[in-house]
Amino acid sequence: MTKAAEQLRQGQLGAVVNTVQVDVTEHASVVQATAQTTALAAVDVLVNSAGITGPNVKVWDYPVDAWKQVFDVNVHGLFHCCRELSAHMKARNYGRIVNIASVAGKDGNPNASAYSASKAAVIGLTKSLGKELADTGVRVNCVTPAAVKTAIFDQMTPEHIQFMLSKIPMARFGEPEEVAAMVTWLSTEECSFSTGAVFDLSGGRSTY
């Protein structure tokens, strides 16, 4: 967190960067972090990007504790953040929420059942919350990237990484900057007529 804050300060000279440590899997921690953050300034944008992959195994071999951990981070953590910040944004009648899902949530990757199911849940939650806030100034959308080469690859087997690459017609992984560009637009005032929507970043993989 400290490293990220310093990179932001260096990238935007003179920028004021405040950080708050939070465990998204604990609702009380999210409530506390929300209070600390909103005490500094109103929140216009929430990007839910915390996520883990879980092990690459068959459903019948999937460790129950690992399944619960994936959902605690990918779904329950995202719900906690959406719950607290959507109320804050609704009260101000403005906000942008962007949830990071995955093309796995649409396709269902083999040997990644918890990850795929959790990202499908993110898509469903996005659609529900988008409709619930549609009559306000708050917009809620999600992006569904194919594989993007980040540190999350450290949680995957080489075989699973190669499987994901084989599904991408562009024959390359996505770049973090490409995801950031889409998220940036979804966070702007110009994104005013899209809500509860799913935006693909799949290198041609997605077919619906």
N, C-alpha and C. Protein backbone atom coordinates (compact mmCIF):
# COMPACT_ATOMS: atom_id res chain seq x y z
N MET A 1 0.83 -1.20 0.00
CA MET A 1 0.00 0.00 0.00
C MET A 1 0.87 1.25 0.00
N THR A 2 1.93 1.24 0.83
CA THR A 2 2.84 2.37 0.89
C THR A 2 3.53 2.59 -0.45
N LYS A 3 3.94 1.49 -1.09
CA LYS A 3 4.61 1.57 -2.39
C LYS A 3 3.68 2.16 -3.44
N ALA A 4 2.41 1.72 -3.45
CA ALA A 4 1.44 2.25 -4.42
C ALA A 4 1.21 3.74 -4.21
N ALA A 5 1.12 4.15 -2.95
CA ALA A 5 0.91 5.57 -2.64
C ALA A 5 2.08 6.41 -3.14
N GLU A 6 3.29 5.89 -2.95
CA GLU A 6 4.47 6.63 -3.39
C GLU A 6 4.53 6.73 -4.91
N GLN A 7 4.14 5.66 -5.59
CA GLN A 7 4.10 5.69 -7.06
C GLN A 7 3.10 6.73 -7.56
N LEU A 8 1.97 6.85 -6.87
CA LEU A 8 0.98 7.85 -7.25
C LEU A 8 1.52 9.26 -7.04
N ARG A 9 2.20 9.46 -5.94
CA ARG A 9 2.77 10.78 -5.66
C ARG A 9 3.81 11.16 -6.70
N GLN A 10 4.64 10.20 -7.11
CA GLN A 10 5.67 10.46 -8.10
C GLN A 10 5.08 10.67 -9.48
N GLY A 11 4.00 9.94 -9.78
CA GLY A 11 3.38 10.06 -11.09
C GLY A 11 2.60 11.34 -11.27
N GLN A 12 2.06 11.84 -10.18
CA GLN A 12 1.29 13.10 -10.21
C GLN A 12 1.92 14.05 -9.20
N LEU A 13 2.89 14.80 -9.64
CA LEU A 13 3.61 15.69 -8.73
C LEU A 13 2.66 16.65 -8.02
N GLY A 14 2.77 16.69 -6.75
CA GLY A 14 1.93 17.58 -5.97
C GLY A 14 0.61 16.96 -5.54
N ALA A 15 0.36 15.72 -5.99
CA ALA A 15 -0.91 15.07 -5.64
C ALA A 15 -0.93 14.71 -4.16
N VAL A 16 -2.10 14.86 -3.56
CA VAL A 16 -2.29 14.45 -2.17
C VAL A 16 -2.83 13.02 -2.18
N VAL A 17 -2.11 12.11 -1.58
CA VAL A 17 -2.49 10.70 -1.58
C VAL A 17 -2.69 10.24 -0.15
N ASN A 18 -3.88 9.77 0.17
CA ASN A 18 -4.17 9.22 1.48
C ASN A 18 -4.48 7.73 1.32
N THR A 19 -4.01 6.92 2.23
CA THR A 19 -4.27 5.49 2.17
C THR A 19 -4.94 5.03 3.46
N VAL A 20 -5.80 4.03 3.32
CA VAL A 20 -6.48 3.43 4.46
C VAL A 20 -6.37 1.92 4.31
N GLN A 21 -5.88 1.26 5.33
CA GLN A 21 -5.77 -0.19 5.27
C GLN A 21 -7.12 -0.82 5.59
N VAL A 22 -7.49 -1.84 4.81
CA VAL A 22 -8.80 -2.47 5.00
C VAL A 22 -8.73 -3.94 4.62
N ASP A 23 -9.45 -4.74 5.37
CA ASP A 23 -9.66 -6.15 5.03
C ASP A 23 -11.07 -6.27 4.48
N VAL A 24 -11.18 -6.39 3.16
CA VAL A 24 -12.50 -6.35 2.55
C VAL A 24 -13.37 -7.54 2.96
N THR A 25 -12.76 -8.63 3.44
CA THR A 25 -13.55 -9.79 3.83
C THR A 25 -14.27 -9.57 5.15
N GLU A 26 -13.86 -8.52 5.90
CA GLU A 26 -14.48 -8.21 7.19
C GLU A 26 -15.35 -6.97 7.05
N HIS A 27 -16.65 -7.13 7.23
CA HIS A 27 -17.57 -6.00 7.05
C HIS A 27 -17.21 -4.84 7.97
N ALA A 28 -16.87 -5.13 9.21
CA ALA A 28 -16.54 -4.07 10.16
C ALA A 28 -15.33 -3.26 9.69
N SER A 29 -14.37 -3.93 9.07
CA SER A 29 -13.19 -3.24 8.56
C SER A 29 -13.56 -2.31 7.42
N VAL A 30 -14.48 -2.74 6.56
CA VAL A 30 -14.93 -1.90 5.45
C VAL A 30 -15.72 -0.71 5.98
N VAL A 31 -16.56 -0.92 6.96
CA VAL A 31 -17.31 0.19 7.57
C VAL A 31 -16.35 1.23 8.14
N GLN A 32 -15.32 0.76 8.85
CA GLN A 32 -14.35 1.68 9.43
C GLN A 32 -13.57 2.43 8.35
N ALA A 33 -13.13 1.71 7.32
CA ALA A 33 -12.37 2.35 6.23
C ALA A 33 -13.23 3.36 5.48
N THR A 34 -14.51 3.05 5.32
CA THR A 34 -15.43 3.99 4.66
C THR A 34 -15.55 5.27 5.47
N ALA A 35 -15.69 5.12 6.78
CA ALA A 35 -15.82 6.30 7.65
C ALA A 35 -14.54 7.14 7.60
N GLN A 36 -13.38 6.49 7.63
CA GLN A 36 -12.12 7.21 7.56
C GLN A 36 -11.97 7.96 6.24
N THR A 37 -12.40 7.30 5.16
CA THR A 37 -12.24 7.89 3.83
C THR A 37 -13.20 9.06 3.63
N THR A 38 -14.46 8.86 3.96
CA THR A 38 -15.45 9.91 3.74
C THR A 38 -15.23 11.10 4.68
N ALA A 39 -14.49 10.89 5.75
CA ALA A 39 -14.14 12.00 6.63
C ALA A 39 -13.14 12.93 5.95
N LEU A 40 -12.38 12.39 5.00
CA LEU A 40 -11.41 13.19 4.26
C LEU A 40 -12.06 13.94 3.11
N ALA A 41 -12.95 13.23 2.39
CA ALA A 41 -13.61 13.82 1.22
C ALA A 41 -14.72 12.90 0.75
N ALA A 42 -15.63 13.45 -0.03
CA ALA A 42 -16.68 12.63 -0.62
C ALA A 42 -16.06 11.67 -1.62
N VAL A 43 -16.65 10.50 -1.75
CA VAL A 43 -16.15 9.49 -2.68
C VAL A 43 -16.99 9.51 -3.95
N ASP A 44 -16.34 9.80 -5.08
CA ASP A 44 -17.01 9.82 -6.37
C ASP A 44 -16.90 8.47 -7.09
N VAL A 45 -15.80 7.75 -6.85
CA VAL A 45 -15.52 6.54 -7.62
C VAL A 45 -15.10 5.41 -6.69
N LEU A 46 -15.66 4.24 -6.91
CA LEU A 46 -15.25 3.02 -6.22
C LEU A 46 -14.90 1.98 -7.28
N VAL A 47 -13.67 1.48 -7.25
CA VAL A 47 -13.25 0.40 -8.13
C VAL A 47 -12.95 -0.81 -7.26
N ASN A 48 -13.72 -1.86 -7.43
CA ASN A 48 -13.52 -3.09 -6.66
C ASN A 48 -12.64 -4.05 -7.46
N SER A 49 -11.37 -4.12 -7.06
CA SER A 49 -10.42 -4.93 -7.83
C SER A 49 -9.74 -6.02 -7.03
N ALA A 50 -10.00 -6.11 -5.73
CA ALA A 50 -9.38 -7.17 -4.93
C ALA A 50 -9.89 -8.52 -5.40
N GLY A 51 -8.97 -9.47 -5.60
CA GLY A 51 -9.40 -10.79 -6.05
C GLY A 51 -8.31 -11.82 -5.92
N ILE A 52 -8.70 -13.08 -5.73
CA ILE A 52 -7.78 -14.20 -5.72
C ILE A 52 -8.32 -15.28 -6.64
N THR A 53 -7.44 -16.17 -7.10
CA THR A 53 -7.86 -17.20 -8.06
C THR A 53 -8.30 -18.48 -7.40
N GLY A 54 -7.69 -18.84 -6.28
CA GLY A 54 -7.91 -20.15 -5.71
C GLY A 54 -7.13 -21.20 -6.47
N PRO A 55 -7.11 -22.44 -5.99
CA PRO A 55 -6.33 -23.49 -6.63
C PRO A 55 -6.93 -23.92 -7.98
N ASN A 56 -6.08 -24.48 -8.84
CA ASN A 56 -6.53 -25.00 -10.14
C ASN A 56 -6.71 -26.51 -10.04
N VAL A 57 -7.90 -26.90 -9.57
CA VAL A 57 -8.23 -28.32 -9.40
C VAL A 57 -9.68 -28.57 -9.81
N LYS A 58 -10.03 -29.84 -9.96
CA LYS A 58 -11.40 -30.22 -10.30
C LYS A 58 -12.34 -29.94 -9.14
N VAL A 59 -13.63 -29.81 -9.45
CA VAL A 59 -14.61 -29.52 -8.41
C VAL A 59 -14.57 -30.58 -7.31
N TRP A 60 -14.48 -31.86 -7.70
CA TRP A 60 -14.54 -32.92 -6.70
C TRP A 60 -13.30 -32.98 -5.80
N ASP A 61 -12.26 -32.28 -6.20
CA ASP A 61 -11.05 -32.20 -5.37
C ASP A 61 -10.88 -30.83 -4.72
N TYR A 62 -11.84 -29.93 -4.95
CA TYR A 62 -11.65 -28.55 -4.50
C TYR A 62 -11.72 -28.47 -2.97
N PRO A 63 -10.70 -27.92 -2.32
CA PRO A 63 -10.73 -27.78 -0.85
C PRO A 63 -11.85 -26.83 -0.43
N VAL A 64 -12.64 -27.26 0.51
CA VAL A 64 -13.79 -26.46 0.95
C VAL A 64 -13.34 -25.12 1.51
N ASP A 65 -12.28 -25.10 2.29
CA ASP A 65 -11.79 -23.84 2.86
C ASP A 65 -11.32 -22.88 1.77
N ALA A 66 -10.68 -23.43 0.72
CA ALA A 66 -10.21 -22.58 -0.37
C ALA A 66 -11.39 -21.98 -1.13
N TRP A 67 -12.45 -22.77 -1.33
CA TRP A 67 -13.66 -22.28 -1.99
C TRP A 67 -14.23 -21.09 -1.22
N LYS A 68 -14.33 -21.25 0.11
CA LYS A 68 -14.88 -20.18 0.94
C LYS A 68 -14.00 -18.94 0.90
N GLN A 69 -12.69 -19.14 0.86
CA GLN A 69 -11.77 -17.99 0.82
C GLN A 69 -11.94 -17.20 -0.47
N VAL A 70 -12.08 -17.89 -1.60
CA VAL A 70 -12.28 -17.21 -2.88
C VAL A 70 -13.55 -16.36 -2.84
N PHE A 71 -14.62 -16.92 -2.29
CA PHE A 71 -15.87 -16.16 -2.23
C PHE A 71 -15.80 -15.03 -1.20
N ASP A 72 -15.06 -15.25 -0.12
CA ASP A 72 -14.91 -14.19 0.88
C ASP A 72 -14.26 -12.95 0.27
N VAL A 73 -13.24 -13.15 -0.56
CA VAL A 73 -12.55 -12.02 -1.17
C VAL A 73 -13.30 -11.50 -2.38
N ASN A 74 -13.60 -12.38 -3.33
CA ASN A 74 -14.11 -11.96 -4.64
C ASN A 74 -15.57 -11.51 -4.61
N VAL A 75 -16.37 -12.08 -3.73
CA VAL A 75 -17.80 -11.76 -3.70
C VAL A 75 -18.19 -11.00 -2.43
N HIS A 76 -17.92 -11.59 -1.28
CA HIS A 76 -18.34 -10.94 -0.04
C HIS A 76 -17.59 -9.63 0.19
N GLY A 77 -16.31 -9.60 -0.14
CA GLY A 77 -15.55 -8.35 0.00
C GLY A 77 -16.10 -7.27 -0.91
N LEU A 78 -16.39 -7.65 -2.14
CA LEU A 78 -16.96 -6.69 -3.10
C LEU A 78 -18.34 -6.20 -2.63
N PHE A 79 -19.16 -7.13 -2.11
CA PHE A 79 -20.47 -6.75 -1.58
C PHE A 79 -20.33 -5.76 -0.44
N HIS A 80 -19.40 -6.02 0.48
CA HIS A 80 -19.21 -5.10 1.61
C HIS A 80 -18.91 -3.68 1.13
N CYS A 81 -18.01 -3.59 0.14
CA CYS A 81 -17.62 -2.27 -0.37
C CYS A 81 -18.78 -1.60 -1.11
N CYS A 82 -19.47 -2.36 -1.94
CA CYS A 82 -20.62 -1.81 -2.67
C CYS A 82 -21.71 -1.37 -1.70
N ARG A 83 -21.95 -2.16 -0.67
CA ARG A 83 -22.99 -1.83 0.30
C ARG A 83 -22.73 -0.49 0.97
N GLU A 84 -21.52 -0.29 1.45
CA GLU A 84 -21.22 0.93 2.19
C GLU A 84 -21.09 2.14 1.28
N LEU A 85 -20.40 2.00 0.16
CA LEU A 85 -20.16 3.17 -0.69
C LEU A 85 -21.37 3.52 -1.54
N SER A 86 -22.21 2.56 -1.90
CA SER A 86 -23.39 2.89 -2.69
C SER A 86 -24.35 3.74 -1.86
N ALA A 87 -24.44 3.47 -0.58
CA ALA A 87 -25.29 4.29 0.29
C ALA A 87 -24.75 5.72 0.36
N HIS A 88 -23.44 5.84 0.47
CA HIS A 88 -22.79 7.16 0.49
C HIS A 88 -23.04 7.92 -0.81
N MET A 89 -22.88 7.22 -1.94
CA MET A 89 -23.07 7.87 -3.25
C MET A 89 -24.54 8.22 -3.49
N LYS A 90 -25.43 7.33 -3.08
CA LYS A 90 -26.86 7.58 -3.26
C LYS A 90 -27.28 8.84 -2.50
N ALA A 91 -26.74 9.01 -1.32
CA ALA A 91 -27.08 10.20 -0.52
C ALA A 91 -26.63 11.48 -1.21
N ARG A 92 -25.56 11.40 -2.00
CA ARG A 92 -25.03 12.56 -2.74
C ARG A 92 -25.62 12.65 -4.15
N ASN A 93 -26.32 11.59 -4.57
CA ASN A 93 -26.90 11.50 -5.90
C ASN A 93 -25.84 11.56 -7.00
N TYR A 94 -24.66 11.01 -6.69
CA TYR A 94 -23.63 10.90 -7.72
C TYR A 94 -22.59 9.86 -7.31
N GLY A 95 -22.14 9.11 -8.29
CA GLY A 95 -21.06 8.16 -8.03
C GLY A 95 -20.87 7.21 -9.19
N ARG A 96 -19.71 6.60 -9.23
CA ARG A 96 -19.39 5.59 -10.25
C ARG A 96 -18.77 4.39 -9.53
N ILE A 97 -19.36 3.22 -9.72
CA ILE A 97 -18.84 1.98 -9.17
C ILE A 97 -18.44 1.08 -10.33
N VAL A 98 -17.20 0.61 -10.30
CA VAL A 98 -16.70 -0.28 -11.34
C VAL A 98 -16.19 -1.55 -10.67
N ASN A 99 -16.79 -2.67 -11.01
CA ASN A 99 -16.40 -3.95 -10.44
C ASN A 99 -15.56 -4.74 -11.45
N ILE A 100 -14.47 -5.32 -10.97
CA ILE A 100 -13.63 -6.13 -11.84
C ILE A 100 -14.10 -7.58 -11.78
N ALA A 101 -14.72 -8.03 -12.84
CA ALA A 101 -15.16 -9.42 -12.94
C ALA A 101 -14.13 -10.18 -13.79
N SER A 102 -14.58 -11.05 -14.66
CA SER A 102 -13.67 -11.81 -15.52
C SER A 102 -14.49 -12.51 -16.59
N VAL A 103 -13.86 -12.74 -17.74
CA VAL A 103 -14.52 -13.53 -18.77
C VAL A 103 -14.79 -14.94 -18.26
N ALA A 104 -14.05 -15.38 -17.25
CA ALA A 104 -14.30 -16.69 -16.64
C ALA A 104 -15.69 -16.76 -16.02
N GLY A 105 -16.20 -15.61 -15.59
CA GLY A 105 -17.54 -15.56 -15.03
C GLY A 105 -18.62 -15.76 -16.08
N LYS A 106 -18.28 -15.58 -17.35
CA LYS A 106 -19.22 -15.81 -18.45
C LYS A 106 -19.05 -17.19 -19.05
N ASP A 107 -17.79 -17.64 -19.15
CA ASP A 107 -17.51 -18.91 -19.82
C ASP A 107 -17.42 -20.10 -18.87
N GLY A 108 -16.91 -19.87 -17.67
CA GLY A 108 -16.67 -20.97 -16.76
C GLY A 108 -15.41 -21.73 -17.13
N ASN A 109 -14.27 -21.35 -16.57
CA ASN A 109 -13.02 -22.03 -16.88
C ASN A 109 -12.91 -23.35 -16.14
N PRO A 110 -12.52 -24.43 -16.82
CA PRO A 110 -12.28 -25.69 -16.12
C PRO A 110 -11.11 -25.54 -15.16
N ASN A 111 -11.17 -26.28 -14.07
CA ASN A 111 -10.13 -26.24 -13.04
C ASN A 111 -10.03 -24.89 -12.36
N ALA A 112 -11.08 -24.10 -12.47
CA ALA A 112 -11.14 -22.80 -11.79
C ALA A 112 -12.59 -22.51 -11.42
N SER A 113 -13.24 -23.49 -10.81
CA SER A 113 -14.68 -23.38 -10.55
C SER A 113 -15.02 -22.27 -9.57
N ALA A 114 -14.26 -22.16 -8.48
CA ALA A 114 -14.58 -21.11 -7.49
C ALA A 114 -14.37 -19.73 -8.10
N TYR A 115 -13.26 -19.56 -8.81
CA TYR A 115 -12.99 -18.27 -9.44
C TYR A 115 -14.08 -17.92 -10.45
N SER A 116 -14.42 -18.89 -11.31
CA SER A 116 -15.45 -18.65 -12.33
C SER A 116 -16.79 -18.33 -11.69
N ALA A 117 -17.18 -19.11 -10.70
CA ALA A 117 -18.46 -18.89 -10.03
C ALA A 117 -18.49 -17.55 -9.30
N SER A 118 -17.36 -17.19 -8.68
CA SER A 118 -17.32 -15.92 -7.94
C SER A 118 -17.43 -14.73 -8.90
N LYS A 119 -16.80 -14.84 -10.06
CA LYS A 119 -16.86 -13.74 -11.02
C LYS A 119 -18.23 -13.66 -11.69
N ALA A 120 -18.90 -14.79 -11.83
CA ALA A 120 -20.29 -14.77 -12.30
C ALA A 120 -21.16 -14.04 -11.29
N ALA A 121 -20.88 -14.24 -10.01
CA ALA A 121 -21.62 -13.55 -8.96
C ALA A 121 -21.38 -12.05 -9.02
N VAL A 122 -20.15 -11.65 -9.34
CA VAL A 122 -19.84 -10.22 -9.48
C VAL A 122 -20.67 -9.61 -10.61
N ILE A 123 -20.78 -10.33 -11.72
CA ILE A 123 -21.59 -9.84 -12.84
C ILE A 123 -23.04 -9.69 -12.41
N GLY A 124 -23.58 -10.69 -11.72
CA GLY A 124 -24.97 -10.63 -11.27
C GLY A 124 -25.21 -9.51 -10.28
N LEU A 125 -24.29 -9.32 -9.34
CA LEU A 125 -24.43 -8.23 -8.37
C LEU A 125 -24.39 -6.88 -9.07
N THR A 126 -23.51 -6.75 -10.05
CA THR A 126 -23.41 -5.49 -10.80
C THR A 126 -24.73 -5.16 -11.47
N LYS A 127 -25.34 -6.14 -12.10
CA LYS A 127 -26.62 -5.91 -12.79
C LYS A 127 -27.71 -5.53 -11.81
N SER A 128 -27.75 -6.21 -10.67
CA SER A 128 -28.77 -5.91 -9.66
C SER A 128 -28.61 -4.51 -9.10
N LEU A 129 -27.39 -4.18 -8.68
CA LEU A 129 -27.15 -2.87 -8.07
C LEU A 129 -27.33 -1.76 -9.09
N GLY A 130 -26.93 -2.01 -10.32
CA GLY A 130 -27.13 -1.01 -11.37
C GLY A 130 -28.59 -0.65 -11.54
N LYS A 131 -29.45 -1.66 -11.51
CA LYS A 131 -30.90 -1.42 -11.64
C LYS A 131 -31.45 -0.71 -10.40
N GLU A 132 -30.94 -1.09 -9.22
CA GLU A 132 -31.43 -0.47 -7.99
C GLU A 132 -31.10 1.01 -7.92
N LEU A 133 -29.99 1.41 -8.55
CA LEU A 133 -29.56 2.82 -8.50
C LEU A 133 -29.83 3.57 -9.80
N ALA A 134 -30.55 2.96 -10.71
CA ALA A 134 -30.74 3.55 -12.04
C ALA A 134 -31.47 4.89 -12.00
N ASP A 135 -32.29 5.10 -10.98
CA ASP A 135 -33.03 6.37 -10.90
C ASP A 135 -32.27 7.42 -10.11
N THR A 136 -31.00 7.17 -9.86
CA THR A 136 -30.15 8.14 -9.17
C THR A 136 -29.02 8.56 -10.10
N GLY A 137 -28.08 9.33 -9.58
CA GLY A 137 -26.92 9.73 -10.36
C GLY A 137 -25.74 8.78 -10.22
N VAL A 138 -26.00 7.58 -9.69
CA VAL A 138 -24.94 6.59 -9.47
C VAL A 138 -25.00 5.54 -10.57
N ARG A 139 -23.86 5.26 -11.19
CA ARG A 139 -23.77 4.24 -12.24
C ARG A 139 -22.89 3.10 -11.75
N VAL A 140 -23.32 1.87 -12.08
CA VAL A 140 -22.61 0.67 -11.63
C VAL A 140 -22.37 -0.23 -12.83
N ASN A 141 -21.11 -0.50 -13.12
CA ASN A 141 -20.77 -1.35 -14.26
C ASN A 141 -19.63 -2.29 -13.87
N CYS A 142 -19.39 -3.27 -14.73
CA CYS A 142 -18.25 -4.15 -14.48
C CYS A 142 -17.50 -4.41 -15.78
N VAL A 143 -16.26 -4.80 -15.64
CA VAL A 143 -15.45 -5.18 -16.79
C VAL A 143 -15.11 -6.66 -16.65
N THR A 144 -15.02 -7.34 -17.80
CA THR A 144 -14.72 -8.77 -17.79
C THR A 144 -13.48 -9.03 -18.64
N PRO A 145 -12.30 -8.84 -18.06
CA PRO A 145 -11.08 -9.09 -18.81
C PRO A 145 -10.85 -10.58 -19.03
N ALA A 146 -10.19 -10.90 -20.12
CA ALA A 146 -9.54 -12.21 -20.23
C ALA A 146 -8.26 -12.11 -19.40
N ALA A 147 -7.37 -13.05 -19.55
CA ALA A 147 -6.17 -13.07 -18.72
C ALA A 147 -5.32 -11.82 -18.95
N VAL A 148 -4.97 -11.18 -17.87
CA VAL A 148 -4.08 -10.01 -17.89
C VAL A 148 -2.86 -10.36 -17.05
N LYS A 149 -1.69 -10.15 -17.61
CA LYS A 149 -0.46 -10.59 -16.95
C LYS A 149 -0.12 -9.67 -15.79
N THR A 150 -0.54 -10.08 -14.61
CA THR A 150 -0.24 -9.35 -13.38
C THR A 150 0.26 -10.36 -12.35
N ALA A 151 0.44 -9.90 -11.14
CA ALA A 151 0.92 -10.76 -10.07
C ALA A 151 -0.04 -11.90 -9.75
N ILE A 152 -1.30 -11.79 -10.21
CA ILE A 152 -2.26 -12.86 -9.94
C ILE A 152 -1.85 -14.16 -10.64
N PHE A 153 -1.00 -14.05 -11.68
CA PHE A 153 -0.50 -15.25 -12.35
C PHE A 153 0.31 -16.13 -11.39
N ASP A 154 0.87 -15.51 -10.36
CA ASP A 154 1.65 -16.27 -9.38
C ASP A 154 0.79 -17.28 -8.63
N GLN A 155 -0.54 -17.10 -8.68
CA GLN A 155 -1.45 -18.00 -7.98
C GLN A 155 -1.91 -19.15 -8.88
N MET A 156 -1.50 -19.17 -10.14
CA MET A 156 -1.99 -20.15 -11.11
C MET A 156 -0.90 -21.12 -11.54
N THR A 157 -1.33 -22.28 -11.99
CA THR A 157 -0.38 -23.24 -12.54
C THR A 157 0.01 -22.81 -13.96
N PRO A 158 1.22 -23.18 -14.43
CA PRO A 158 1.61 -22.87 -15.81
C PRO A 158 0.63 -23.44 -16.83
N GLU A 159 0.07 -24.60 -16.53
CA GLU A 159 -0.89 -25.21 -17.45
C GLU A 159 -2.15 -24.37 -17.59
N HIS A 160 -2.62 -23.82 -16.48
CA HIS A 160 -3.84 -23.02 -16.53
C HIS A 160 -3.58 -21.71 -17.26
N ILE A 161 -2.40 -21.13 -17.06
CA ILE A 161 -2.04 -19.90 -17.76
C ILE A 161 -2.01 -20.14 -19.26
N GLN A 162 -1.45 -21.26 -19.67
CA GLN A 162 -1.39 -21.58 -21.09
C GLN A 162 -2.78 -21.84 -21.65
N PHE A 163 -3.66 -22.48 -20.87
CA PHE A 163 -5.04 -22.70 -21.30
C PHE A 163 -5.73 -21.37 -21.58
N MET A 164 -5.57 -20.41 -20.68
CA MET A 164 -6.21 -19.11 -20.86
C MET A 164 -5.69 -18.41 -22.11
N LEU A 165 -4.40 -18.49 -22.34
CA LEU A 165 -3.82 -17.87 -23.53
C LEU A 165 -4.37 -18.50 -24.80
N SER A 166 -4.56 -19.82 -24.78
CA SER A 166 -5.04 -20.53 -25.97
C SER A 166 -6.45 -20.11 -26.37
N LYS A 167 -7.19 -19.51 -25.46
CA LYS A 167 -8.57 -19.10 -25.73
C LYS A 167 -8.67 -17.69 -26.31
N ILE A 168 -7.57 -16.97 -26.36
CA ILE A 168 -7.60 -15.57 -26.79
C ILE A 168 -7.20 -15.46 -28.26
N PRO A 169 -8.13 -15.07 -29.16
CA PRO A 169 -7.80 -14.98 -30.59
C PRO A 169 -6.63 -14.05 -30.90
N MET A 170 -6.43 -13.01 -30.11
CA MET A 170 -5.30 -12.11 -30.34
C MET A 170 -3.96 -12.75 -29.98
N ALA A 171 -4.03 -13.92 -29.33
CA ALA A 171 -2.83 -14.70 -28.98
C ALA A 171 -1.86 -13.93 -28.08
N ARG A 172 -2.40 -13.10 -27.21
CA ARG A 172 -1.59 -12.42 -26.21
C ARG A 172 -2.43 -12.13 -24.99
N PHE A 173 -1.75 -11.87 -23.89
CA PHE A 173 -2.45 -11.47 -22.68
C PHE A 173 -2.77 -9.98 -22.73
N GLY A 174 -3.79 -9.58 -21.98
CA GLY A 174 -4.11 -8.16 -21.86
C GLY A 174 -3.06 -7.44 -21.03
N GLU A 175 -3.00 -6.14 -21.19
CA GLU A 175 -2.09 -5.30 -20.42
C GLU A 175 -2.89 -4.55 -19.34
N PRO A 176 -2.30 -4.37 -18.18
CA PRO A 176 -3.00 -3.62 -17.12
C PRO A 176 -3.46 -2.24 -17.58
N GLU A 177 -2.65 -1.60 -18.44
CA GLU A 177 -3.02 -0.26 -18.93
C GLU A 177 -4.29 -0.30 -19.77
N GLU A 178 -4.53 -1.42 -20.45
CA GLU A 178 -5.75 -1.53 -21.27
C GLU A 178 -6.98 -1.64 -20.39
N VAL A 179 -6.85 -2.37 -19.29
CA VAL A 179 -7.95 -2.45 -18.33
C VAL A 179 -8.17 -1.09 -17.67
N ALA A 180 -7.07 -0.44 -17.30
CA ALA A 180 -7.17 0.86 -16.64
C ALA A 180 -7.88 1.88 -17.52
N ALA A 181 -7.63 1.83 -18.83
CA ALA A 181 -8.27 2.78 -19.74
C ALA A 181 -9.78 2.62 -19.74
N MET A 182 -10.25 1.36 -19.75
CA MET A 182 -11.70 1.11 -19.71
C MET A 182 -12.28 1.54 -18.37
N VAL A 183 -11.61 1.18 -17.29
CA VAL A 183 -12.09 1.54 -15.96
C VAL A 183 -12.14 3.05 -15.80
N THR A 184 -11.15 3.73 -16.35
CA THR A 184 -11.12 5.19 -16.27
C THR A 184 -12.35 5.81 -16.91
N TRP A 185 -12.71 5.33 -18.11
CA TRP A 185 -13.89 5.89 -18.76
C TRP A 185 -15.16 5.60 -17.97
N LEU A 186 -15.27 4.38 -17.45
CA LEU A 186 -16.45 4.01 -16.67
C LEU A 186 -16.56 4.83 -15.39
N SER A 187 -15.46 5.47 -15.00
CA SER A 187 -15.44 6.27 -13.78
C SER A 187 -15.74 7.74 -14.02
N THR A 188 -15.97 8.12 -15.28
CA THR A 188 -16.16 9.53 -15.61
C THR A 188 -17.63 9.94 -15.64
N GLU A 189 -17.85 11.25 -15.67
CA GLU A 189 -19.21 11.76 -15.83
C GLU A 189 -19.78 11.40 -17.19
N GLU A 190 -18.90 11.24 -18.20
CA GLU A 190 -19.35 10.90 -19.55
C GLU A 190 -20.04 9.53 -19.60
N CYS A 191 -19.70 8.67 -18.67
CA CYS A 191 -20.38 7.36 -18.59
C CYS A 191 -21.69 7.57 -17.86
N SER A 192 -22.67 8.10 -18.57
CA SER A 192 -23.92 8.52 -17.93
C SER A 192 -25.13 7.68 -18.31
N PHE A 193 -25.03 6.90 -19.41
CA PHE A 193 -26.19 6.13 -19.85
C PHE A 193 -25.92 4.63 -19.85
N SER A 194 -24.82 4.22 -19.23
CA SER A 194 -24.50 2.80 -19.07
C SER A 194 -24.54 2.46 -17.59
N THR A 195 -25.35 1.49 -17.23
CA THR A 195 -25.37 1.02 -15.85
C THR A 195 -25.83 -0.43 -15.84
N GLY A 196 -25.32 -1.19 -14.89
CA GLY A 196 -25.62 -2.62 -14.84
C GLY A 196 -25.07 -3.34 -16.05
N ALA A 197 -24.03 -2.78 -16.68
CA ALA A 197 -23.53 -3.30 -17.94
C ALA A 197 -22.21 -4.04 -17.74
N VAL A 198 -21.90 -4.88 -18.73
CA VAL A 198 -20.67 -5.69 -18.71
C VAL A 198 -19.82 -5.31 -19.91
N PHE A 199 -18.60 -4.88 -19.66
CA PHE A 199 -17.70 -4.43 -20.73
C PHE A 199 -16.54 -5.42 -20.88
N ASP A 200 -16.48 -6.04 -22.05
CA ASP A 200 -15.46 -7.06 -22.29
C ASP A 200 -14.09 -6.46 -22.63
N LEU A 201 -13.07 -7.13 -22.14
CA LEU A 201 -11.68 -6.83 -22.49
C LEU A 201 -11.02 -8.20 -22.68
N SER A 202 -11.36 -8.86 -23.79
CA SER A 202 -11.04 -10.28 -23.90
C SER A 202 -10.16 -10.65 -25.07
N GLY A 203 -9.66 -9.69 -25.85
CA GLY A 203 -8.84 -10.03 -26.99
C GLY A 203 -9.56 -10.86 -28.04
N GLY A 204 -10.89 -10.72 -28.05
CA GLY A 204 -11.71 -11.47 -29.01
C GLY A 204 -12.27 -12.77 -28.47
N ARG A 205 -11.98 -13.09 -27.22
CA ARG A 205 -12.47 -14.36 -26.65
C ARG A 205 -13.98 -14.38 -26.45
N SER A 206 -14.52 -13.29 -25.92
CA SER A 206 -15.95 -13.26 -25.58
C SER A 206 -16.82 -13.34 -26.82
N THR A 207 -17.86 -14.14 -26.75
CA THR A 207 -18.80 -14.27 -27.86
C THR A 207 -20.19 -13.78 -27.50
N TYR A 208 -20.40 -13.34 -26.28
CA TYR A 208 -21.68 -12.75 -25.89
C TYR A 208 -21.46 -11.81 -24.71
